[in-house]
């Protein structure tokens, strides 16, 4: 991370690089729909989809099962390695979306935006009692924890 930060500082001469695409800024930044800021809408969408997936689908049940006990989940026929891979791909995809959202707001267009946050990405869930080594967590709890991090 330090190498990439150094390269970014050198390339930008320590200046902010604004995102000038109006569509991007309206979708991921300062835009709104019916007076509701786009970042709030993205949050509602992510929490709603996450809640549904983890409460109402077999995938969500398998994730909880592997989190509780990978050994027991494997014994019931769940392909634990495949599921872990899928969860990591999903996590990376959502991290990419978070990066798009984080780069969008005009107030955050700075070389130092997000500095020091990457090692603490799990703390939002951790603050609401999510065990980081297994199965007891909730989407709403992670949302509340992440809101606590920002306040």
Protein backbone atom coordinates (compact mmCIF):
# COMPACT_ATOMS: atom_id res chain seq x y z
CA UNK A 1 0.00 0.00 0.00
CA UNK A 2 2.86 2.34 0.80
CA UNK A 3 4.37 1.84 -2.66
CA UNK A 4 1.05 2.62 -4.37
CA UNK A 5 0.54 5.69 -2.18
CA UNK A 6 4.01 6.92 -3.08
CA UNK A 7 3.40 6.40 -6.80
CA UNK A 8 0.04 8.23 -6.52
CA UNK A 9 1.69 11.15 -4.73
CA UNK A 10 4.38 11.34 -7.39
CA UNK A 11 1.97 11.12 -10.34
CA UNK A 12 -0.45 13.72 -8.95
CA UNK A 13 2.16 16.05 -7.48
CA UNK A 14 0.11 15.92 -4.24
CA UNK A 15 -2.93 17.44 -5.96
CA UNK A 16 -6.49 16.10 -5.95
CA UNK A 17 -7.66 14.56 -9.21
CA UNK A 18 -11.34 15.44 -9.66
CA UNK A 19 -13.76 13.02 -11.27
CA UNK A 20 -15.38 15.09 -13.98
CA UNK A 21 -17.85 12.56 -15.40
CA UNK A 22 -21.35 13.86 -14.61
CA UNK A 23 -23.01 10.44 -14.84
CA UNK A 24 -20.46 8.93 -12.44
CA UNK A 25 -20.86 11.81 -10.01
CA UNK A 26 -24.64 11.59 -10.07
CA UNK A 27 -24.66 7.80 -9.56
CA UNK A 28 -21.87 7.49 -7.02
CA UNK A 29 -21.38 10.98 -5.66
CA UNK A 30 -23.49 13.99 -5.00
CA UNK A 31 -26.52 12.91 -7.04
CA UNK A 32 -29.96 12.19 -5.66
CA UNK A 33 -33.24 10.55 -6.62
CA UNK A 34 -36.50 12.04 -5.34
CA UNK A 35 -34.44 14.17 -2.97
CA UNK A 36 -32.68 11.17 -1.41
CA UNK A 37 -28.87 11.23 -1.78
CA UNK A 38 -27.49 8.47 -3.99
CA UNK A 39 -25.19 7.19 -1.22
CA UNK A 40 -28.23 6.59 1.02
CA UNK A 41 -29.96 4.75 -1.84
CA UNK A 42 -26.86 2.57 -2.41
CA UNK A 43 -26.78 1.76 1.30
CA UNK A 44 -30.46 0.80 1.37
CA UNK A 45 -30.01 -1.34 -1.75
CA UNK A 46 -26.93 -3.13 -0.36
CA UNK A 47 -28.52 -3.78 3.04
CA UNK A 48 -31.76 -4.98 1.43
CA UNK A 49 -30.04 -7.38 -0.95
CA UNK A 50 -27.64 -8.58 1.74
CA UNK A 51 -30.47 -9.15 4.20
CA UNK A 52 -32.45 -11.13 1.64
CA UNK A 53 -29.49 -13.22 0.48
CA UNK A 54 -28.32 -14.15 3.97
CA UNK A 55 -31.77 -14.75 5.44
CA UNK A 56 -33.73 -16.27 2.56
CA UNK A 57 -31.35 -18.18 0.28
CA UNK A 58 -29.50 -21.44 0.43
CA UNK A 59 -26.25 -19.57 -0.19
CA UNK A 60 -26.81 -17.52 2.97
CA UNK A 61 -27.63 -20.62 4.99
CA UNK A 62 -24.47 -22.29 3.72
CA UNK A 63 -22.36 -19.26 4.63
CA UNK A 64 -23.74 -19.34 8.16
CA UNK A 65 -23.21 -23.09 8.37
CA UNK A 66 -19.57 -22.82 7.28
CA UNK A 67 -19.10 -19.93 9.71
CA UNK A 68 -20.46 -21.99 12.58
CA UNK A 69 -18.42 -25.08 11.76
CA UNK A 70 -16.70 -25.77 8.47
CA UNK A 71 -16.17 -29.36 9.50
CA UNK A 72 -19.87 -29.94 10.19
CA UNK A 73 -20.83 -28.11 6.99
CA UNK A 74 -18.48 -30.31 4.98
CA UNK A 75 -20.06 -33.39 6.59
CA UNK A 76 -23.50 -32.27 5.38
CA UNK A 77 -22.29 -31.99 1.79
CA UNK A 78 -21.51 -28.29 1.53
CA UNK A 79 -18.48 -27.64 -0.68
CA UNK A 80 -16.65 -25.47 1.81
CA UNK A 81 -13.70 -24.44 -0.37
CA UNK A 82 -15.98 -23.47 -3.26
CA UNK A 83 -18.23 -21.50 -0.91
CA UNK A 84 -15.27 -19.70 0.66
CA UNK A 85 -14.01 -18.81 -2.82
CA UNK A 86 -17.46 -17.47 -3.77
CA UNK A 87 -17.59 -15.40 -0.58
CA UNK A 88 -14.14 -13.94 -1.31
CA UNK A 89 -15.14 -13.06 -4.88
CA UNK A 90 -18.32 -11.43 -3.58
CA UNK A 91 -16.33 -9.57 -0.94
CA UNK A 92 -13.87 -8.28 -3.54
CA UNK A 93 -16.68 -7.19 -5.83
CA UNK A 94 -18.39 -5.30 -3.04
CA UNK A 95 -15.07 -3.74 -2.00
CA UNK A 96 -14.75 -2.48 -5.58
CA UNK A 97 -18.24 -0.98 -5.40
CA UNK A 98 -17.33 0.62 -2.06
CA UNK A 99 -14.27 2.13 -3.74
CA UNK A 100 -16.47 3.62 -6.46
CA UNK A 101 -18.80 5.07 -3.86
CA UNK A 102 -15.93 6.37 -1.76
CA UNK A 103 -14.33 8.14 -4.72
CA UNK A 104 -17.59 9.76 -5.81
CA UNK A 105 -18.49 12.38 -3.20
CA UNK A 106 -16.89 15.76 -3.93
CA UNK A 107 -15.82 16.19 -0.31
CA UNK A 108 -13.69 13.04 -0.50
CA UNK A 109 -11.76 13.86 -3.67
CA UNK A 110 -8.42 14.05 -1.99
CA UNK A 111 -5.16 12.19 -2.13
CA UNK A 112 -5.59 11.34 1.55
CA UNK A 113 -9.20 10.09 1.28
CA UNK A 114 -9.59 6.76 3.00
CA UNK A 115 -6.10 6.81 4.43
CA UNK A 116 -5.78 4.42 7.33
CA UNK A 117 -9.17 2.76 6.74
CA UNK A 118 -8.21 -0.45 4.96
CA UNK A 119 -6.90 -2.36 8.00
CA UNK A 120 -10.08 -1.53 9.88
CA UNK A 121 -12.71 -2.72 7.42
CA UNK A 122 -13.95 -5.44 9.77
CA UNK A 123 -14.52 -3.17 12.75
CA UNK A 124 -18.01 -2.09 11.68
CA UNK A 125 -19.25 -5.65 12.07
CA UNK A 126 -17.06 -6.29 15.08
CA UNK A 127 -18.61 -3.40 17.02
CA UNK A 128 -22.05 -4.99 16.75
CA UNK A 129 -20.95 -8.34 18.10
CA UNK A 130 -20.22 -10.21 14.88
CA UNK A 131 -17.76 -12.99 15.61
CA UNK A 132 -15.00 -12.59 13.07
CA UNK A 133 -14.16 -16.29 13.21
CA UNK A 134 -17.62 -17.73 12.69
CA UNK A 135 -21.28 -17.60 11.88
CA UNK A 136 -23.09 -15.20 14.23
CA UNK A 137 -23.63 -11.97 12.40
CA UNK A 138 -26.22 -9.87 10.70
CA UNK A 139 -26.35 -7.38 7.86
CA UNK A 140 -28.23 -4.85 9.99
CA UNK A 141 -25.69 -5.27 12.80
CA UNK A 142 -22.83 -4.60 10.37
CA UNK A 143 -24.68 -1.51 9.10
CA UNK A 144 -25.12 -0.18 12.63
CA UNK A 145 -21.47 -0.91 13.40
CA UNK A 146 -20.27 0.92 10.30
CA UNK A 147 -22.50 3.89 11.14
CA UNK A 148 -20.94 3.92 14.60
CA UNK A 149 -17.51 4.11 12.94
CA UNK A 150 -18.53 7.29 11.06
CA UNK A 151 -20.12 9.11 13.99
